[in-house]
C-alpha atoms as a PDB file:
ATOM      1  CA  GLN A   1       0.000   0.000   0.000  1.00  0.00           C
ATOM      2  CA  TYR A   2       1.341   3.414  -0.936  1.00  0.00           C
ATOM      3  CA  THR A   3       0.545   6.999   0.026  1.00  0.00           C
ATOM      4  CA  ILE A   4       0.652  10.023  -2.258  1.00  0.00           C
ATOM      5  CA  SER A   5       0.645  13.644  -1.098  1.00  0.00           C
ATOM      6  CA  GLN A   6      -2.314  14.926   0.887  1.00  0.00           C
ATOM      7  CA  GLY A   7      -5.246  16.538  -0.867  1.00  0.00           C
ATOM      8  CA  THR A   8      -6.003  16.882  -4.557  1.00  0.00           C
ATOM      9  CA  MET A   9      -3.949  18.736  -7.153  1.00  0.00           C
ATOM     10  CA  PRO A  10      -5.674  21.571  -9.033  1.00  0.00           C
ATOM     11  CA  SER A  11      -5.920  21.249 -12.782  1.00  0.00           C
ATOM     12  CA  LEU A  12      -3.796  24.360 -13.289  1.00  0.00           C
ATOM     13  CA  LEU A  13      -0.932  22.826 -11.313  1.00  0.00           C
ATOM     14  CA  LEU A  14      -1.117  19.706 -13.480  1.00  0.00           C
ATOM     15  CA  LEU A  15      -0.751  21.847 -16.579  1.00  0.00           C
ATOM     16  CA  LEU A  16       2.125  23.854 -15.107  1.00  0.00           C
ATOM     17  CA  LEU A  17       3.968  20.660 -14.151  1.00  0.00           C
ATOM     18  CA  SER A  18       3.494  19.317 -17.665  1.00  0.00           C
ATOM     19  CA  LEU A  19       4.772  22.585 -19.133  1.00  0.00           C
ATOM     20  CA  LEU A  20       7.808  22.478 -16.854  1.00  0.00           C
ATOM     21  CA  SER A  21       8.506  18.916 -17.929  1.00  0.00           C
ATOM     22  CA  LEU A  22       8.298  19.886 -21.601  1.00  0.00           C
ATOM     23  CA  VAL A  23      10.491  22.956 -21.176  1.00  0.00           C
ATOM     24  CA  SER A  24      13.132  21.012 -19.264  1.00  0.00           C
ATOM     25  CA  ALA A  25      13.148  18.366 -21.979  1.00  0.00           C
ATOM     26  CA  ARG A  26      13.674  20.955 -24.716  1.00  0.00           C
ATOM     27  CA  SER A  27      16.283  23.022 -22.966  1.00  0.00           C
ATOM     28  CA  ALA A  28      18.753  21.181 -20.847  1.00  0.00           C
ATOM     29  CA  SER A  29      18.070  17.654 -19.698  1.00  0.00           C
ATOM     30  CA  PHE A  30      19.717  15.693 -22.525  1.00  0.00           C
ATOM     31  CA  LEU A  31      21.309  16.737 -25.798  1.00  0.00           C
ATOM     32  CA  ALA A  32      21.152  14.236 -28.617  1.00  0.00           C
ATOM     33  CA  PRO A  33      23.864  13.833 -31.283  1.00  0.00           C
ATOM     34  CA  LYS A  34      21.944  15.867 -33.862  1.00  0.00           C
ATOM     35  CA  SER A  35      22.711  19.546 -33.346  1.00  0.00           C
ATOM     36  CA  PHE A  36      19.793  21.857 -32.630  1.00  0.00           C
ATOM     37  CA  VAL A  37      21.852  25.044 -32.801  1.00  0.00           C
ATOM     38  CA  LYS A  38      20.556  26.262 -36.135  1.00  0.00           C
ATOM     39  CA  VAL A  39      18.192  29.004 -37.183  1.00  0.00           C
ATOM     40  CA  HIS A  40      14.845  27.878 -38.594  1.00  0.00           C
ATOM     41  CA  HIS A  41      12.333  29.707 -40.707  1.00  0.00           C
ATOM     42  CA  GLN A  42       8.797  30.093 -39.374  1.00  0.00           C
ATOM     43  CA  GLU A  43       7.577  27.347 -41.719  1.00  0.00           C
ATOM     44  CA  SER A  44       9.878  24.778 -40.110  1.00  0.00           C
ATOM     45  CA  ARG A  45       7.449  24.435 -37.215  1.00  0.00           C
ATOM     46  CA  LEU A  46       5.199  22.597 -39.638  1.00  0.00           C
ATOM     47  CA  HIS A  47       7.785  19.823 -39.570  1.00  0.00           C
ATOM     48  CA  ALA A  48       8.456  19.804 -35.832  1.00  0.00           C
ATOM     49  CA  GLN A  49       7.226  16.942 -33.691  1.00  0.00           C
ATOM     50  CA  THR A  50       7.194  16.240 -29.972  1.00  0.00           C
ATOM     51  CA  VAL A  51       7.176  12.542 -29.103  1.00  0.00           C
ATOM     52  CA  VAL A  52       6.052  11.670 -25.558  1.00  0.00           C
ATOM     53  CA  VAL A  53       6.840   8.134 -24.410  1.00  0.00           C
ATOM     54  CA  GLY A  54       4.967   7.268 -21.234  1.00  0.00           C
ATOM     55  CA  LYS A  55       3.110   4.659 -19.246  1.00  0.00           C
ATOM     56  CA  ILE A  56      -0.597   3.959 -18.810  1.00  0.00           C
ATOM     57  CA  ILE A  57      -1.905   2.735 -15.449  1.00  0.00           C
ATOM     58  CA  LEU A  58      -5.587   1.884 -15.092  1.00  0.00           C
ATOM     59  CA  ASP A  59      -7.454   3.106 -12.011  1.00  0.00           C
ATOM     60  CA  LYS A  60     -10.045   1.368  -9.853  1.00  0.00           C
ATOM     61  CA  TYR A  61     -11.518   3.966  -7.526  1.00  0.00           C
ATOM     62  CA  GLY A  62     -12.013   2.808  -3.957  1.00  0.00           C
ATOM     63  CA  PRO A  63     -10.028   0.615  -1.526  1.00  0.00           C
ATOM     64  CA  PRO A  64      -9.596  -3.121  -2.170  1.00  0.00           C
ATOM     65  CA  ASN A  65     -12.555  -5.342  -1.247  1.00  0.00           C
ATOM     66  CA  ASN A  66     -14.933  -2.430  -0.849  1.00  0.00           C
ATOM     67  CA  SER A  67     -18.688  -2.757  -1.149  1.00  0.00           C
ATOM     68  CA  GLN A  68     -18.949  -1.326  -4.673  1.00  0.00           C
ATOM     69  CA  THR A  69     -20.281  -3.534  -7.440  1.00  0.00           C
ATOM     70  CA  ASP A  70     -17.969  -4.737 -10.198  1.00  0.00           C
ATOM     71  CA  HIS A  71     -19.547  -2.237 -12.603  1.00  0.00           C
ATOM     72  CA  GLU A  72     -19.030   0.672 -10.201  1.00  0.00           C
ATOM     73  CA  ASN A  73     -15.441  -0.389  -9.546  1.00  0.00           C
ATOM     74  CA  GLU A  74     -14.378  -1.199 -13.114  1.00  0.00           C
ATOM     75  CA  SER A  75     -10.989  -0.101 -14.386  1.00  0.00           C
ATOM     76  CA  SER A  76     -10.824   3.252 -16.157  1.00  0.00           C
ATOM     77  CA  VAL A  77      -8.332   5.306 -18.146  1.00  0.00           C
ATOM     78  CA  THR A  78      -7.624   8.729 -16.615  1.00  0.00           C
ATOM     79  CA  ILE A  79      -5.647  11.838 -17.530  1.00  0.00           C
ATOM     80  CA  GLY A  80      -3.887  11.637 -14.162  1.00  0.00           C
ATOM     81  CA  GLY A  81      -1.437   9.003 -15.344  1.00  0.00           C
ATOM     82  CA  GLY A  82       2.030  10.328 -16.085  1.00  0.00           C
ATOM     83  CA  GLY A  83       1.991   9.430 -19.797  1.00  0.00           C
ATOM     84  CA  PRO A  84      -1.392  10.893 -20.841  1.00  0.00           C
ATOM     85  CA  GLN A  85      -0.807  13.885 -18.569  1.00  0.00           C
ATOM     86  CA  ALA A  86       2.538  14.720 -20.197  1.00  0.00           C
ATOM     87  CA  ALA A  87       1.081  14.381 -23.700  1.00  0.00           C
ATOM     88  CA  TRP A  88      -1.895  16.575 -22.791  1.00  0.00           C
ATOM     89  CA  GLY A  89       0.377  19.221 -21.292  1.00  0.00           C
ATOM     90  CA  ALA A  90       2.658  19.243 -24.337  1.00  0.00           C
ATOM     91  CA  ALA A  91      -0.235  19.667 -26.764  1.00  0.00           C
ATOM     92  CA  ALA A  92      -1.897  22.363 -24.651  1.00  0.00           C
ATOM     93  CA  SER A  93       1.278  24.389 -24.185  1.00  0.00           C
ATOM     94  CA  LEU A  94       2.187  24.269 -27.880  1.00  0.00           C
ATOM     95  CA  ALA A  95      -1.324  25.290 -28.931  1.00  0.00           C
ATOM     96  CA  VAL A  96      -1.261  28.210 -26.497  1.00  0.00           C
ATOM     97  CA  ARG A  97       2.188  29.191 -27.784  1.00  0.00           C
ATOM     98  CA  ASP A  98       0.904  29.301 -31.344  1.00  0.00           C
ATOM     99  CA  TYR A  99      -2.066  31.413 -30.325  1.00  0.00           C
ATOM    100  CA  LEU A 100      -0.001  33.845 -28.267  1.00  0.00           C
ATOM    101  CA  SER A 101       2.414  34.164 -31.186  1.00  0.00           C
ATOM    102  CA  HIS A 102      -0.547  34.925 -33.433  1.00  0.00           C
ATOM    103  CA  ALA A 103      -1.856  37.461 -30.908  1.00  0.00           C
ATOM    104  CA  ALA A 104       1.563  39.091 -30.671  1.00  0.00           C
ATOM    105  CA  ASP A 105       1.625  39.486 -34.450  1.00  0.00           C
ATOM    106  CA  LYS A 106      -1.727  41.242 -34.207  1.00  0.00           C
ATOM    107  CA  LYS A 107      -0.437  43.151 -31.152  1.00  0.00           C
ATOM    108  CA  MET A 108      -3.592  42.238 -29.246  1.00  0.00           C
ATOM    109  CA  ILE A 109      -5.604  39.347 -27.829  1.00  0.00           C
ATOM    110  CA  ASP A 110      -9.197  39.534 -29.012  1.00  0.00           C
ATOM    111  CA  ASP A 111     -11.808  37.268 -27.405  1.00  0.00           C
ATOM    112  CA  ASP A 112     -13.786  37.488 -30.620  1.00  0.00           C
ATOM    113  CA  ASP A 113     -10.829  36.482 -32.788  1.00  0.00           C
ATOM    114  CA  LYS A 114     -12.317  33.979 -35.276  1.00  0.00           C
ATOM    115  CA  SER A 115      -8.913  32.500 -36.042  1.00  0.00           C
ATOM    116  CA  ARG A 116      -8.339  31.425 -32.431  1.00  0.00           C
ATOM    117  CA  ASP A 117     -10.282  28.161 -32.650  1.00  0.00           C
ATOM    118  CA  TYR A 118      -8.567  27.271 -35.904  1.00  0.00           C
ATOM    119  CA  ILE A 119      -5.111  27.913 -34.435  1.00  0.00           C
ATOM    120  CA  LEU A 120      -5.815  25.911 -31.287  1.00  0.00           C
ATOM    121  CA  SER A 121      -7.232  22.964 -33.231  1.00  0.00           C
ATOM    122  CA  ASN A 122      -4.633  23.005 -36.029  1.00  0.00           C
ATOM    123  CA  PRO A 123      -1.252  23.196 -34.293  1.00  0.00           C
ATOM    124  CA  LYS A 124       1.895  23.716 -36.311  1.00  0.00           C
ATOM    125  CA  HIS A 125       3.750  21.331 -34.004  1.00  0.00           C
ATOM    126  CA  GLN A 126       2.748  17.638 -34.025  1.00  0.00           C
ATOM    127  CA  VAL A 127       2.494  15.742 -30.712  1.00  0.00           C
ATOM    128  CA  THR A 128       2.671  11.942 -30.652  1.00  0.00           C
ATOM    129  CA  PHE A 129       2.053   9.848 -27.532  1.00  0.00           C
ATOM    130  CA  LEU A 130       3.364   6.273 -27.334  1.00  0.00           C
ATOM    131  CA  ALA A 131       2.582   3.848 -24.519  1.00  0.00           C
ATOM    132  CA  PRO A 132       2.591   0.063 -23.995  1.00  0.00           C
ATOM    133  CA  VAL A 133      -0.625  -1.771 -23.113  1.00  0.00           C
ATOM    134  CA  GLY A 134      -1.212  -5.384 -22.106  1.00  0.00           C
ATOM    135  CA  THR A 135      -4.162  -6.739 -24.044  1.00  0.00           C
ATOM    136  CA  LYS A 136      -5.083  -9.363 -21.450  1.00  0.00           C
ATOM    137  CA  ASN A 137      -7.186  -6.629 -19.806  1.00  0.00           C
ATOM    138  CA  TRP A 138      -7.039  -3.679 -22.232  1.00  0.00           C
ATOM    139  CA  THR A 139     -10.248  -3.290 -24.238  1.00  0.00           C
ATOM    140  CA  PRO A 140     -11.307  -1.275 -27.308  1.00  0.00           C
ATOM    141  CA  SER A 141     -13.482   0.868 -25.037  1.00  0.00           C
ATOM    142  CA  MET A 142     -10.347   1.891 -23.124  1.00  0.00           C
ATOM    143  CA  THR A 143      -8.757   3.021 -26.377  1.00  0.00           C
ATOM    144  CA  GLU A 144     -11.865   5.130 -26.968  1.00  0.00           C
ATOM    145  CA  GLN A 145     -11.655   6.534 -23.408  1.00  0.00           C
ATOM    146  CA  LEU A 146      -8.055   7.564 -24.021  1.00  0.00           C
ATOM    147  CA  SER A 147      -8.874   9.246 -27.334  1.00  0.00           C
ATOM    148  CA  GLN A 148     -11.660  11.223 -25.651  1.00  0.00           C
ATOM    149  CA  LEU A 149      -9.392  12.350 -22.813  1.00  0.00           C
ATOM    150  CA  LEU A 150      -6.620  13.664 -25.043  1.00  0.00           C
ATOM    151  CA  PRO A 151      -6.908  16.613 -27.450  1.00  0.00           C
ATOM    152  CA  PRO A 152      -7.607  15.564 -31.054  1.00  0.00           C
ATOM    153  CA  MET A 153      -4.276  16.985 -32.238  1.00  0.00           C
ATOM    154  CA  ILE A 154      -2.414  14.219 -30.344  1.00  0.00           C
ATOM    155  CA  ASN A 155      -1.510  11.154 -32.384  1.00  0.00           C
ATOM    156  CA  VAL A 156      -1.857   8.169 -30.010  1.00  0.00           C
ATOM    157  CA  VAL A 157       0.240   5.080 -30.730  1.00  0.00           C
ATOM    158  CA  LEU A 158      -0.381   2.089 -28.441  1.00  0.00           C
ATOM    159  CA  VAL A 159       2.196  -0.703 -28.345  1.00  0.00           C
ATOM    160  CA  PRO A 160       0.286  -3.892 -27.462  1.00  0.00           C
ATOM    161  CA  SER A 161       1.470  -7.092 -25.835  1.00  0.00           C
ATOM    162  CA  ALA A 162      -0.766 -10.160 -25.728  1.00  0.00           C
ATOM    163  CA  ASP A 163       1.358 -11.688 -22.962  1.00  0.00           C
ATOM    164  CA  HIS A 164       0.769  -9.000 -20.341  1.00  0.00           C
ATOM    165  CA  ILE A 165      -1.872  -7.037 -18.478  1.00  0.00           C
ATOM    166  CA  THR A 166      -1.992  -3.260 -18.362  1.00  0.00           C
ATOM    167  CA  PRO A 167      -1.041  -2.286 -14.776  1.00  0.00           C
ATOM    168  CA  THR A 168      -4.071  -1.523 -12.614  1.00  0.00           C
ATOM    169  CA  ILE A 169      -4.290   0.032  -9.158  1.00  0.00           C
ATOM    170  CA  ASN A 170      -6.888   0.609  -6.488  1.00  0.00           C
ATOM    171  CA  ILE A 171      -6.772   4.295  -5.566  1.00  0.00           C
ATOM    172  CA  TRP A 172      -8.707   6.006  -2.779  1.00  0.00           C
ATOM    173  CA  HIS A 173      -8.670   8.673  -0.047  1.00  0.00           C
ATOM    174  CA  ASP A 174      -8.244   7.545   3.556  1.00  0.00           C
ATOM    175  CA  GLU A 175      -9.864   9.190   6.575  1.00  0.00           C
ATOM    176  CA  ASN A 176      -7.132  11.857   6.585  1.00  0.00           C
ATOM    177  CA  GLU A 177      -7.656  12.647   2.887  1.00  0.00           C
ATOM    178  CA  ASN A 178      -4.309  11.092   1.967  1.00  0.00           C
ATOM    179  CA  VAL A 179      -4.344   9.427  -1.445  1.00  0.00           C
ATOM    180  CA  ARG A 180      -3.500   5.737  -1.192  1.00  0.00           C
ATOM    181  CA  TRP A 181      -3.018   3.141  -3.893  1.00  0.00           C
ATOM    182  CA  MET A 182      -2.407  -0.590  -4.178  1.00  0.00           C
ATOM    183  CA  PRO A 183      -1.548  -2.768  -7.208  1.00  0.00           C
ATOM    184  CA  VAL A 184      -4.258  -5.132  -8.442  1.00  0.00           C
ATOM    185  CA  ASP A 185      -3.690  -8.768  -9.457  1.00  0.00           C
ATOM    186  CA  GLY A 186       0.089  -8.705  -9.829  1.00  0.00           C
ATOM    187  CA  SER A 187       0.002  -5.548 -11.930  1.00  0.00           C
ATOM    188  CA  PHE A 188       3.657  -4.753 -11.222  1.00  0.00           C
ATOM    189  CA  ASP A 189       4.919  -8.345 -11.495  1.00  0.00           C
ATOM    190  CA  ASP A 190       6.216 -10.020 -14.640  1.00  0.00           C
ATOM    191  CA  ILE A 191       2.673 -10.467 -15.970  1.00  0.00           C
ATOM    192  CA  GLY A 192       2.181  -6.728 -15.605  1.00  0.00           C
ATOM    193  CA  ALA A 193       4.450  -3.690 -15.617  1.00  0.00           C
ATOM    194  CA  ASN A 194       7.697  -5.529 -14.877  1.00  0.00           C
ATOM    195  CA  GLY A 195       7.339  -7.453 -18.137  1.00  0.00           C
ATOM    196  CA  LEU A 196       5.261  -5.029 -20.205  1.00  0.00           C
ATOM    197  CA  TRP A 197       7.587  -2.067 -19.689  1.00  0.00           C
ATOM    198  CA  GLN A 198      10.718  -3.881 -20.893  1.00  0.00           C
ATOM    199  CA  ASN A 199      11.743  -2.071 -24.084  1.00  0.00           C
ATOM    200  CA  ARG A 200       8.155  -1.092 -24.952  1.00  0.00           C
ATOM    201  CA  PRO A 201       7.961   1.044 -26.940  1.00  0.00           C
ATOM    202  CA  SER A 202      11.204   0.089 -28.640  1.00  0.00           C
ATOM    203  CA  ALA A 203      13.415   2.391 -30.686  1.00  0.00           C
ATOM    204  CA  GLU A 204      11.818   0.912 -33.813  1.00  0.00           C
ATOM    205  CA  ASP A 205       8.335   1.684 -32.477  1.00  0.00           C
ATOM    206  CA  ILE A 206       9.333   5.309 -31.888  1.00  0.00           C
ATOM    207  CA  LEU A 207      10.951   5.637 -35.306  1.00  0.00           C
ATOM    208  CA  ASN A 208       7.818   4.261 -36.954  1.00  0.00           C
ATOM    209  CA  ALA A 209       5.722   6.858 -35.113  1.00  0.00           C
ATOM    210  CA  ILE A 210       7.868   9.801 -36.168  1.00  0.00           C
ATOM    211  CA  GLN A 211       6.290  11.592 -39.073  1.00  0.00           C
ATOM    212  CA  GLY A 212       8.491  12.424 -42.045  1.00  0.00           C
ATOM    213  CA  THR A 213      11.390  10.164 -41.083  1.00  0.00           C
ATOM    214  CA  ASP A 214      12.895  10.678 -44.553  1.00  0.00           C
ATOM    215  CA  ASP A 215      13.322  14.397 -43.929  1.00  0.00           C
ATOM    216  CA  SER A 216      16.470  14.983 -41.894  1.00  0.00           C
ATOM    217  CA  ASP A 217      15.467  18.624 -41.347  1.00  0.00           C
ATOM    218  CA  ASP A 218      12.450  17.698 -39.210  1.00  0.00           C
ATOM    219  CA  ASP A 219      12.905  18.676 -35.566  1.00  0.00           C
ATOM    220  CA  ILE A 220      12.090  15.764 -33.260  1.00  0.00           C
ATOM    221  CA  LEU A 221      11.757  16.448 -29.527  1.00  0.00           C
ATOM    222  CA  LEU A 222      11.706  13.209 -27.526  1.00  0.00           C
ATOM    223  CA  HIS A 223      10.390  13.208 -23.955  1.00  0.00           C
ATOM    224  CA  ALA A 224      10.315   9.880 -22.081  1.00  0.00           C
ATOM    225  CA  ILE A 225       9.048   8.874 -18.652  1.00  0.00           C
ATOM    226  CA  VAL A 226      11.386   6.142 -17.434  1.00  0.00           C
ATOM    227  CA  GLU A 227      11.625   4.013 -14.300  1.00  0.00           C
ATOM    228  CA  SER A 228      14.674   4.599 -12.098  1.00  0.00           C
ATOM    229  CA  GLY A 229      16.083   3.667  -8.715  1.00  0.00           C
ATOM    230  CA  SER A 230      17.911   0.563  -7.500  1.00  0.00           C
ATOM    231  CA  LYS A 231      15.185  -1.851  -8.684  1.00  0.00           C
ATOM    232  CA  PRO A 232      13.222  -0.106 -11.456  1.00  0.00           C
ATOM    233  CA  THR A 233      10.039  -1.673 -12.749  1.00  0.00           C
ATOM    234  CA  GLY A 234      10.802  -3.249 -16.120  1.00  0.00           C
ATOM    235  CA  GLN A 235      14.429  -3.739 -15.017  1.00  0.00           C
ATOM    236  CA  GLY A 236      15.358  -0.379 -16.511  1.00  0.00           C
ATOM    237  CA  LEU A 237      14.860  -1.622 -20.066  1.00  0.00           C
ATOM    238  CA  ASP A 238      12.510   1.242 -20.915  1.00  0.00           C
ATOM    239  CA  CYS A 239      15.710   3.304 -21.351  1.00  0.00           C
ATOM    240  CA  LEU A 240      16.981   1.204 -24.265  1.00  0.00           C
ATOM    241  CA  PRO A 241      15.679   3.528 -27.013  1.00  0.00           C
ATOM    242  CA  PHE A 242      18.112   6.216 -25.804  1.00  0.00           C
ATOM    243  CA  PHE A 243      21.003   3.915 -26.708  1.00  0.00           C
ATOM    244  CA  ASP A 244      19.818   3.322 -30.264  1.00  0.00           C
ATOM    245  CA  ASP A 245      22.032   5.236 -32.693  1.00  0.00           C
ATOM    246  CA  LYS A 246      19.481   5.299 -35.494  1.00  0.00           C
ATOM    247  CA  LEU A 247      16.783   6.797 -33.284  1.00  0.00           C
ATOM    248  CA  MET A 248      19.015   9.318 -31.546  1.00  0.00           C
ATOM    249  CA  SER A 249      20.432  10.521 -34.868  1.00  0.00           C
ATOM    250  CA  ARG A 250      16.859  11.560 -35.756  1.00  0.00           C
ATOM    251  CA  VAL A 251      16.239  13.375 -32.463  1.00  0.00           C
ATOM    252  CA  SER A 252      17.094  17.040 -32.024  1.00  0.00           C
ATOM    253  CA  VAL A 253      16.524  17.233 -28.270  1.00  0.00           C
ATOM    254  CA  ALA A 254      15.607  14.540 -25.736  1.00  0.00           C
ATOM    255  CA  GLY A 255      14.547  14.676 -22.114  1.00  0.00           C
ATOM    256  CA  VAL A 256      14.108  12.026 -19.433  1.00  0.00           C
ATOM    257  CA  GLU A 257      11.567  12.241 -16.619  1.00  0.00           C
ATOM    258  CA  PRO A 258      12.714   9.676 -14.001  1.00  0.00           C
ATOM    259  CA  ILE A 259      10.194   7.903 -11.777  1.00  0.00           C
ATOM    260  CA  VAL A 260      11.491   6.380  -8.537  1.00  0.00           C
END
């Protein structure tokens, strides 16, 4: 059984944390072999892509063995997971950047600006989210849940494994309003995260998801959530893509978000 920080986190703080993660990835956390110190024309943003590699953990709300029915306590996909949250934050921040840039060109922000909706729904910077799922318990309806949670400008690429389950946790508030969670049915054992997260997605999966791989001028920003610590879930093999020369030669900037 595990305890997370007391209380609930406001939506604005979630967005700010995602923005901070994206900024740190772009600026200083890890420089890939391909140089990014070059001046681009405005049109080059049409060929820029942020790739977020994360994890999906299903939630069952309520403590284990509670009195809820199976239907009330069924697993669900949420935006609170680190992977979907990072992808959502990246897409939101880039869309806002494009709009603020547009507003700066007009030297004003107009609430009645008819181009705002078009700018926010047609970003110049592609965002792709990759995550592994175990199909022993992942269903098509969960894929639909995920697509409804994330903005439509995010390209979602799921990497399935028929040999594993998607990790699932019970999550609830105790009497002191502390958030507690507990793995369900061996979700972090070899049948779950410890096996599923080993080199999924692989470097090849990420390369296949990158749009315009034949154009060496495309700017690829890679942000990955990876397990760390003395005994990381997945045995640390989710880091393998960073050691792939072919992938890293395509990446302009990469950032790692370690989870202990």
